[in-house]
Full PDB file with SEQRES, HELIX, SHEET, SSBOND, CRYST1, ORIGX, SCALE, CONECT and MASTER records, all heavy atoms in Angstrom:
SEQRES   1 A   31  VAL ALA GLY PHE THR GLU LYS TYR ASN VAL ASN LYS LEU          
SEQRES   2 A   31  VAL TYR ALA GLU GLU THR SER ASP VAL HIS ALA ALA LEU          
SEQRES   3 A   31  ALA ARG GLU LYS GLU                                          
HELIX    1 AA1 PHE A    4  LYS A    7  1                                   4    
HELIX    2 AA2 VAL A   22  LYS A   30  1                                   9    
CRYST1    1.000    1.000    1.000  90.00  90.00  90.00 P 1           1          
ORIGX1      1.000000  0.000000  0.000000        0.00000                         
ORIGX2      0.000000  1.000000  0.000000        0.00000                         
ORIGX3      0.000000  0.000000  1.000000        0.00000                         
SCALE1      1.000000  0.000000  0.000000        0.00000                         
SCALE2      0.000000  1.000000  0.000000        0.00000                         
SCALE3      0.000000  0.000000  1.000000        0.00000                         
ATOM      1  N   VAL A   1      99.650  94.388 110.930  1.00  0.00           N  
ATOM      2  CA  VAL A   1     100.869  94.881 110.309  1.00  0.00           C  
ATOM      3  C   VAL A   1     102.031  94.535 111.238  1.00  0.00           C  
ATOM      4  O   VAL A   1     102.200  95.147 112.291  1.00  0.00           O  
ATOM      5  CB  VAL A   1     100.798  96.416 110.086  1.00  0.00           C  
ATOM      6  CG1 VAL A   1     102.072  96.912 109.439  1.00  0.00           C  
ATOM      7  CG2 VAL A   1      99.577  96.780 109.254  1.00  0.00           C  
ATOM      8  N   ALA A   2     102.786  93.532 110.864  1.00  0.00           N  
ATOM      9  CA  ALA A   2     103.918  93.119 111.700  1.00  0.00           C  
ATOM     10  C   ALA A   2     105.033  94.151 111.605  1.00  0.00           C  
ATOM     11  O   ALA A   2     105.212  94.793 110.567  1.00  0.00           O  
ATOM     12  CB  ALA A   2     104.426  91.763 111.248  1.00  0.00           C  
ATOM     13  N   GLY A   3     105.743  94.330 112.684  1.00  0.00           N  
ATOM     14  CA  GLY A   3     106.887  95.233 112.659  1.00  0.00           C  
ATOM     15  C   GLY A   3     106.755  96.379 113.639  1.00  0.00           C  
ATOM     16  O   GLY A   3     106.230  96.214 114.749  1.00  0.00           O  
ATOM     17  N   PHE A   4     107.226  97.532 113.228  1.00  0.00           N  
ATOM     18  CA  PHE A   4     107.348  98.698 114.096  1.00  0.00           C  
ATOM     19  C   PHE A   4     106.044  99.077 114.773  1.00  0.00           C  
ATOM     20  O   PHE A   4     105.996  99.245 115.989  1.00  0.00           O  
ATOM     21  CB  PHE A   4     107.885  99.880 113.270  1.00  0.00           C  
ATOM     22  CG  PHE A   4     108.126 101.115 114.078  1.00  0.00           C  
ATOM     23  CD1 PHE A   4     109.323 101.293 114.741  1.00  0.00           C  
ATOM     24  CD2 PHE A   4     107.164 102.108 114.163  1.00  0.00           C  
ATOM     25  CE1 PHE A   4     109.555 102.443 115.487  1.00  0.00           C  
ATOM     26  CE2 PHE A   4     107.384 103.255 114.908  1.00  0.00           C  
ATOM     27  CZ  PHE A   4     108.588 103.417 115.575  1.00  0.00           C  
ATOM     28  N   THR A   5     104.967  99.248 114.008  1.00  0.00           N  
ATOM     29  CA  THR A   5     103.711  99.716 114.605  1.00  0.00           C  
ATOM     30  C   THR A   5     103.128  98.687 115.565  1.00  0.00           C  
ATOM     31  O   THR A   5     102.543  99.053 116.579  1.00  0.00           O  
ATOM     32  CB  THR A   5     102.669 100.101 113.538  1.00  0.00           C  
ATOM     33  OG1 THR A   5     102.382  98.982 112.711  1.00  0.00           O  
ATOM     34  CG2 THR A   5     103.163 101.263 112.692  1.00  0.00           C  
ATOM     35  N   GLU A   6     103.301  97.429 115.268  1.00  0.00           N  
ATOM     36  CA  GLU A   6     102.829  96.377 116.171  1.00  0.00           C  
ATOM     37  C   GLU A   6     103.657  96.371 117.456  1.00  0.00           C  
ATOM     38  O   GLU A   6     103.123  96.357 118.566  1.00  0.00           O  
ATOM     39  CB  GLU A   6     102.920  95.020 115.481  1.00  0.00           C  
ATOM     40  CG  GLU A   6     102.526  93.868 116.376  1.00  0.00           C  
ATOM     41  CD  GLU A   6     102.839  92.523 115.752  1.00  0.00           C  
ATOM     42  OE1 GLU A   6     103.825  92.406 115.007  1.00  0.00           O  
ATOM     43  OE2 GLU A   6     102.085  91.588 116.041  1.00  0.00           O  
ATOM     44  N   LYS A   7     104.966  96.422 117.298  1.00  0.00           N  
ATOM     45  CA  LYS A   7     105.877  96.349 118.444  1.00  0.00           C  
ATOM     46  C   LYS A   7     105.669  97.500 119.424  1.00  0.00           C  
ATOM     47  O   LYS A   7     105.669  97.311 120.634  1.00  0.00           O  
ATOM     48  CB  LYS A   7     107.320  96.350 117.949  1.00  0.00           C  
ATOM     49  CG  LYS A   7     108.352  96.274 119.043  1.00  0.00           C  
ATOM     50  CD  LYS A   7     109.756  96.216 118.480  1.00  0.00           C  
ATOM     51  CE  LYS A   7     110.783  96.131 119.594  1.00  0.00           C  
ATOM     52  NZ  LYS A   7     112.141  96.065 119.063  1.00  0.00           N  
ATOM     53  N   TYR A   8     105.464  98.709 118.897  1.00  0.00           N  
ATOM     54  CA  TYR A   8     105.351  99.890 119.747  1.00  0.00           C  
ATOM     55  C   TYR A   8     103.918 100.372 119.943  1.00  0.00           C  
ATOM     56  O   TYR A   8     103.693 101.459 120.445  1.00  0.00           O  
ATOM     57  CB  TYR A   8     106.233 101.012 119.196  1.00  0.00           C  
ATOM     58  CG  TYR A   8     107.693 100.658 119.272  1.00  0.00           C  
ATOM     59  CD1 TYR A   8     108.383 100.221 118.142  1.00  0.00           C  
ATOM     60  CD2 TYR A   8     108.376 100.701 120.483  1.00  0.00           C  
ATOM     61  CE1 TYR A   8     109.718  99.866 118.210  1.00  0.00           C  
ATOM     62  CE2 TYR A   8     109.716 100.350 120.564  1.00  0.00           C  
ATOM     63  CZ  TYR A   8     110.382  99.931 119.420  1.00  0.00           C  
ATOM     64  OH  TYR A   8     111.703  99.577 119.502  1.00  0.00           O  
ATOM     65  N   ASN A   9     102.944  99.562 119.526  1.00  0.00           N  
ATOM     66  CA  ASN A   9     101.521  99.884 119.694  1.00  0.00           C  
ATOM     67  C   ASN A   9     101.175 101.263 119.108  1.00  0.00           C  
ATOM     68  O   ASN A   9     100.555 102.096 119.756  1.00  0.00           O  
ATOM     69  CB  ASN A   9     101.118  99.798 121.162  1.00  0.00           C  
ATOM     70  CG  ASN A   9      99.629  99.651 121.330  1.00  0.00           C  
ATOM     71  OD1 ASN A   9      98.954  99.045 120.499  1.00  0.00           O  
ATOM     72  ND2 ASN A   9      99.094 100.214 122.383  1.00  0.00           N  
ATOM     73  N   VAL A  10     101.605 101.484 117.887  1.00  0.00           N  
ATOM     74  CA  VAL A  10     101.397 102.748 117.189  1.00  0.00           C  
ATOM     75  C   VAL A  10     100.182 102.588 116.282  1.00  0.00           C  
ATOM     76  O   VAL A  10     100.262 101.959 115.231  1.00  0.00           O  
ATOM     77  CB  VAL A  10     102.659 103.139 116.385  1.00  0.00           C  
ATOM     78  CG1 VAL A  10     102.440 104.418 115.607  1.00  0.00           C  
ATOM     79  CG2 VAL A  10     103.849 103.269 117.304  1.00  0.00           C  
ATOM     80  N   ASN A  11      99.039 103.137 116.713  1.00  0.00           N  
ATOM     81  CA  ASN A  11      97.807 102.941 115.937  1.00  0.00           C  
ATOM     82  C   ASN A  11      96.828 104.112 116.048  1.00  0.00           C  
ATOM     83  O   ASN A  11      95.671 103.985 115.698  1.00  0.00           O  
ATOM     84  CB  ASN A  11      97.127 101.632 116.336  1.00  0.00           C  
ATOM     85  CG  ASN A  11      96.744 101.614 117.790  1.00  0.00           C  
ATOM     86  OD1 ASN A  11      96.509 102.641 118.416  1.00  0.00           O  
ATOM     87  ND2 ASN A  11      96.671 100.418 118.352  1.00  0.00           N  
ATOM     88  N   LYS A  12      97.295 105.235 116.528  1.00  0.00           N  
ATOM     89  CA  LYS A  12      96.439 106.420 116.692  1.00  0.00           C  
ATOM     90  C   LYS A  12      96.689 107.358 115.519  1.00  0.00           C  
ATOM     91  O   LYS A  12      97.774 107.939 115.380  1.00  0.00           O  
ATOM     92  CB  LYS A  12      96.786 107.101 118.025  1.00  0.00           C  
ATOM     93  CG  LYS A  12      95.974 108.318 118.340  1.00  0.00           C  
ATOM     94  CD  LYS A  12      96.342 108.789 119.756  1.00  0.00           C  
ATOM     95  CE  LYS A  12      96.385 110.271 119.851  1.00  0.00           C  
ATOM     96  NZ  LYS A  12      96.812 110.737 121.172  1.00  0.00           N  
ATOM     97  N   LEU A  13      95.703 107.501 114.658  1.00  0.00           N  
ATOM     98  CA  LEU A  13      95.822 108.364 113.478  1.00  0.00           C  
ATOM     99  C   LEU A  13      95.678 109.821 113.904  1.00  0.00           C  
ATOM    100  O   LEU A  13      94.620 110.234 114.385  1.00  0.00           O  
ATOM    101  CB  LEU A  13      94.734 108.016 112.459  1.00  0.00           C  
ATOM    102  CG  LEU A  13      94.691 108.875 111.197  1.00  0.00           C  
ATOM    103  CD1 LEU A  13      95.953 108.664 110.355  1.00  0.00           C  
ATOM    104  CD2 LEU A  13      93.437 108.553 110.390  1.00  0.00           C  
ATOM    105  N   VAL A  14      96.739 110.604 113.723  1.00  0.00           N  
ATOM    106  CA  VAL A  14      96.685 112.007 114.130  1.00  0.00           C  
ATOM    107  C   VAL A  14      96.812 112.972 112.956  1.00  0.00           C  
ATOM    108  O   VAL A  14      96.571 114.173 113.106  1.00  0.00           O  
ATOM    109  CB  VAL A  14      97.749 112.340 115.201  1.00  0.00           C  
ATOM    110  CG1 VAL A  14      97.412 111.649 116.512  1.00  0.00           C  
ATOM    111  CG2 VAL A  14      99.148 112.004 114.730  1.00  0.00           C  
ATOM    112  N   TYR A  15      97.165 112.445 111.773  1.00  0.00           N  
ATOM    113  CA  TYR A  15      97.309 113.328 110.608  1.00  0.00           C  
ATOM    114  C   TYR A  15      97.207 112.495 109.338  1.00  0.00           C  
ATOM    115  O   TYR A  15      97.691 111.360 109.283  1.00  0.00           O  
ATOM    116  CB  TYR A  15      98.674 114.035 110.638  1.00  0.00           C  
ATOM    117  CG  TYR A  15      98.872 114.959 109.474  1.00  0.00           C  
ATOM    118  CD1 TYR A  15      98.321 116.230 109.473  1.00  0.00           C  
ATOM    119  CD2 TYR A  15      99.582 114.551 108.351  1.00  0.00           C  
ATOM    120  CE1 TYR A  15      98.472 117.075 108.395  1.00  0.00           C  
ATOM    121  CE2 TYR A  15      99.750 115.387 107.266  1.00  0.00           C  
ATOM    122  CZ  TYR A  15      99.200 116.648 107.285  1.00  0.00           C  
ATOM    123  OH  TYR A  15      99.340 117.476 106.208  1.00  0.00           O  
ATOM    124  N   ALA A  16      96.591 113.079 108.313  1.00  0.00           N  
ATOM    125  CA  ALA A  16      96.545 112.434 106.991  1.00  0.00           C  
ATOM    126  C   ALA A  16      96.369 113.505 105.924  1.00  0.00           C  
ATOM    127  O   ALA A  16      95.710 114.517 106.150  1.00  0.00           O  
ATOM    128  CB  ALA A  16      95.389 111.440 106.915  1.00  0.00           C  
ATOM    129  N   GLU A  17      96.985 113.275 104.798  1.00  0.00           N  
ATOM    130  CA  GLU A  17      96.760 114.125 103.632  1.00  0.00           C  
ATOM    131  C   GLU A  17      96.475 113.225 102.441  1.00  0.00           C  
ATOM    132  O   GLU A  17      96.944 112.092 102.386  1.00  0.00           O  
ATOM    133  CB  GLU A  17      97.913 115.081 103.340  1.00  0.00           C  
ATOM    134  CG  GLU A  17      99.264 114.701 103.741  1.00  0.00           C  
ATOM    135  CD  GLU A  17     100.315 115.772 103.455  1.00  0.00           C  
ATOM    136  OE1 GLU A  17     100.881 115.743 102.358  1.00  0.00           O  
ATOM    137  OE2 GLU A  17     100.582 116.577 104.353  1.00  0.00           O  
ATOM    138  N   GLU A  18      95.717 113.750 101.504  1.00  0.00           N  
ATOM    139  CA  GLU A  18      95.231 112.970 100.366  1.00  0.00           C  
ATOM    140  C   GLU A  18      95.728 113.578  99.064  1.00  0.00           C  
ATOM    141  O   GLU A  18      95.812 114.795  98.927  1.00  0.00           O  
ATOM    142  CB  GLU A  18      93.702 112.970 100.396  1.00  0.00           C  
ATOM    143  CG  GLU A  18      93.036 112.180  99.313  1.00  0.00           C  
ATOM    144  CD  GLU A  18      91.516 112.191  99.444  1.00  0.00           C  
ATOM    145  OE1 GLU A  18      90.982 112.964 100.254  1.00  0.00           O  
ATOM    146  OE2 GLU A  18      90.876 111.438  98.709  1.00  0.00           O  
ATOM    147  N   THR A  19      96.039 112.709  98.104  1.00  0.00           N  
ATOM    148  CA  THR A  19      96.417 113.142  96.762  1.00  0.00           C  
ATOM    149  C   THR A  19      95.974 112.078  95.763  1.00  0.00           C  
ATOM    150  O   THR A  19      95.794 110.915  96.139  1.00  0.00           O  
ATOM    151  CB  THR A  19      97.942 113.383  96.644  1.00  0.00           C  
ATOM    152  OG1 THR A  19      98.254 113.808  95.312  1.00  0.00           O  
ATOM    153  CG2 THR A  19      98.729 112.131  96.966  1.00  0.00           C  
ATOM    154  N   SER A  20      95.804 112.465  94.524  1.00  0.00           N  
ATOM    155  CA  SER A  20      95.463 111.483  93.490  1.00  0.00           C  
ATOM    156  C   SER A  20      96.714 110.970  92.777  1.00  0.00           C  
ATOM    157  O   SER A  20      96.629 110.096  91.923  1.00  0.00           O  
ATOM    158  CB  SER A  20      94.504 112.105  92.469  1.00  0.00           C  
ATOM    159  OG  SER A  20      95.115 113.239  91.866  1.00  0.00           O  
ATOM    160  N   ASP A  21      97.875 111.488  93.143  1.00  0.00           N  
ATOM    161  CA  ASP A  21      99.137 111.144  92.493  1.00  0.00           C  
ATOM    162  C   ASP A  21      99.992 110.269  93.408  1.00  0.00           C  
ATOM    163  O   ASP A  21     100.484 110.735  94.437  1.00  0.00           O  
ATOM    164  CB  ASP A  21      99.867 112.438  92.145  1.00  0.00           C  
ATOM    165  CG  ASP A  21     101.186 112.225  91.430  1.00  0.00           C  
ATOM    166  OD1 ASP A  21     101.667 111.069  91.332  1.00  0.00           O  
ATOM    167  OD2 ASP A  21     101.766 113.228  90.958  1.00  0.00           O  
ATOM    168  N   VAL A  22     100.167 109.012  93.034  1.00  0.00           N  
ATOM    169  CA  VAL A  22     100.936 108.089  93.863  1.00  0.00           C  
ATOM    170  C   VAL A  22     102.375 108.562  94.032  1.00  0.00           C  
ATOM    171  O   VAL A  22     102.967 108.420  95.107  1.00  0.00           O  
ATOM    172  CB  VAL A  22     100.879 106.643  93.325  1.00  0.00           C  
ATOM    173  CG1 VAL A  22     101.580 106.505  91.985  1.00  0.00           C  
ATOM    174  CG2 VAL A  22     101.462 105.664  94.342  1.00  0.00           C  
ATOM    175  N   HIS A  23     102.946 109.143  92.994  1.00  0.00           N  
ATOM    176  CA  HIS A  23     104.332 109.613  93.082  1.00  0.00           C  
ATOM    177  C   HIS A  23     104.455 110.776  94.057  1.00  0.00           C  
ATOM    178  O   HIS A  23     105.439 110.855  94.818  1.00  0.00           O  
ATOM    179  CB  HIS A  23     104.861 109.994  91.699  1.00  0.00           C  
ATOM    180  CG  HIS A  23     104.813 108.850  90.728  1.00  0.00           C  
ATOM    181  ND1 HIS A  23     105.629 107.740  90.851  1.00  0.00           N  
ATOM    182  CD2 HIS A  23     104.039 108.641  89.643  1.00  0.00           C  
ATOM    183  CE1 HIS A  23     105.356 106.897  89.871  1.00  0.00           C  
ATOM    184  NE2 HIS A  23     104.389 107.410  89.124  1.00  0.00           N  
ATOM    185  N   ALA A  24     103.469 111.647  94.064  1.00  0.00           N  
ATOM    186  CA  ALA A  24     103.463 112.763  95.019  1.00  0.00           C  
ATOM    187  C   ALA A  24     103.329 112.239  96.446  1.00  0.00           C  
ATOM    188  O   ALA A  24     103.987 112.739  97.361  1.00  0.00           O  
ATOM    189  CB  ALA A  24     102.329 113.733  94.697  1.00  0.00           C  
ATOM    190  N   ALA A  25     102.496 111.227  96.635  1.00  0.00           N  
ATOM    191  CA  ALA A  25     102.313 110.641  97.972  1.00  0.00           C  
ATOM    192  C   ALA A  25     103.614 110.016  98.465  1.00  0.00           C  
ATOM    193  O   ALA A  25     104.016 110.221  99.616  1.00  0.00           O  
ATOM    194  CB  ALA A  25     101.194 109.604  97.958  1.00  0.00           C  
ATOM    195  N   LEU A  26     104.275 109.268  97.614  1.00  0.00           N  
ATOM    196  CA  LEU A  26     105.531 108.625  98.009  1.00  0.00           C  
ATOM    197  C   LEU A  26     106.626 109.652  98.282  1.00  0.00           C  
ATOM    198  O   LEU A  26     107.402 109.509  99.239  1.00  0.00           O  
ATOM    199  CB  LEU A  26     105.978 107.635  96.932  1.00  0.00           C  
ATOM    200  CG  LEU A  26     105.072 106.409  96.775  1.00  0.00           C  
ATOM    201  CD1 LEU A  26     105.448 105.619  95.524  1.00  0.00           C  
ATOM    202  CD2 LEU A  26     105.119 105.533  98.008  1.00  0.00           C  
ATOM    203  N   ALA A  27     106.675 110.703  97.466  1.00  0.00           N  
ATOM    204  CA  ALA A  27     107.666 111.764  97.685  1.00  0.00           C  
ATOM    205  C   ALA A  27     107.393 112.499  98.993  1.00  0.00           C  
ATOM    206  O   ALA A  27     108.322 112.820  99.747  1.00  0.00           O  
ATOM    207  CB  ALA A  27     107.651 112.746  96.511  1.00  0.00           C  
ATOM    208  N   ARG A  28     106.114 112.747  99.283  1.00  0.00           N  
ATOM    209  CA  ARG A  28     105.756 113.429 100.528  1.00  0.00           C  
ATOM    210  C   ARG A  28     106.116 112.564 101.744  1.00  0.00           C  
ATOM    211  O   ARG A  28     106.623 113.068 102.747  1.00  0.00           O  
ATOM    212  CB  ARG A  28     104.266 113.758 100.517  1.00  0.00           C  
ATOM    213  CG  ARG A  28     103.761 114.453 101.744  1.00  0.00           C  
ATOM    214  CD  ARG A  28     104.305 115.850 101.875  1.00  0.00           C  
ATOM    215  NE  ARG A  28     103.538 116.552 102.901  1.00  0.00           N  
ATOM    216  CZ  ARG A  28     103.938 117.636 103.516  1.00  0.00           C  
ATOM    217  NH1 ARG A  28     105.089 118.190 103.199  1.00  0.00           N  
ATOM    218  NH2 ARG A  28     103.193 118.196 104.438  1.00  0.00           N  
ATOM    219  N   GLU A  29     105.858 111.264 101.653  1.00  0.00           N  
ATOM    220  CA  GLU A  29     106.220 110.359 102.740  1.00  0.00           C  
ATOM    221  C   GLU A  29     107.723 110.426 103.008  1.00  0.00           C  
ATOM    222  O   GLU A  29     108.162 110.566 104.161  1.00  0.00           O  
ATOM    223  CB  GLU A  29     105.820 108.922 102.400  1.00  0.00           C  
ATOM    224  CG  GLU A  29     106.261 107.922 103.453  1.00  0.00           C  
ATOM    225  CD  GLU A  29     106.219 106.481 102.975  1.00  0.00           C  
ATOM    226  OE1 GLU A  29     106.393 106.240 101.761  1.00  0.00           O  
ATOM    227  OE2 GLU A  29     106.033 105.596 103.821  1.00  0.00           O  
ATOM    228  N   LYS A  30     108.531 110.344 101.952  1.00  0.00           N  
ATOM    229  CA  LYS A  30     109.987 110.402 102.110  1.00  0.00           C  
ATOM    230  C   LYS A  30     110.418 111.733 102.704  1.00  0.00           C  
ATOM    231  O   LYS A  30     111.298 111.784 103.570  1.00  0.00           O  
ATOM    232  CB  LYS A  30     110.675 110.173 100.766  1.00  0.00           C  
ATOM    233  CG  LYS A  30     110.624 108.742 100.308  1.00  0.00           C  
ATOM    234  CD  LYS A  30     111.314 108.569  98.980  1.00  0.00           C  
ATOM    235  CE  LYS A  30     111.158 107.132  98.506  1.00  0.00           C  
ATOM    236  NZ  LYS A  30     111.770 106.913  97.199  1.00  0.00           N  
ATOM    237  N   GLU A  31     109.797 112.806 102.244  1.00  0.00           N  
ATOM    238  CA  GLU A  31     110.114 114.139 102.765  1.00  0.00           C  
ATOM    239  C   GLU A  31     109.814 114.214 104.267  1.00  0.00           C  
ATOM    240  O   GLU A  31     110.660 114.654 105.058  1.00  0.00           O  
ATOM    241  CB  GLU A  31     109.288 115.190 102.018  1.00  0.00           C  
ATOM    242  CG  GLU A  31     109.397 116.588 102.568  1.00  0.00           C  
ATOM    243  CD  GLU A  31     108.403 117.551 101.955  1.00  0.00           C  
ATOM    244  OE1 GLU A  31     107.397 117.109 101.349  1.00  0.00           O  
ATOM    245  OE2 GLU A  31     108.618 118.761 102.106  1.00  0.00           O  
TER     246      GLU A  31                                                      
MASTER        0    0    0    2    0    0    0    6  245    1    0    3          
END                                                                             
């Protein structure tokens, strides 16, 4: 993944949430 995560070596998963609704996922990301 080129860009921010590559440049700053950001690859440690510390949190995740799951939903079946893509719109809810996108809204949560923006929030």
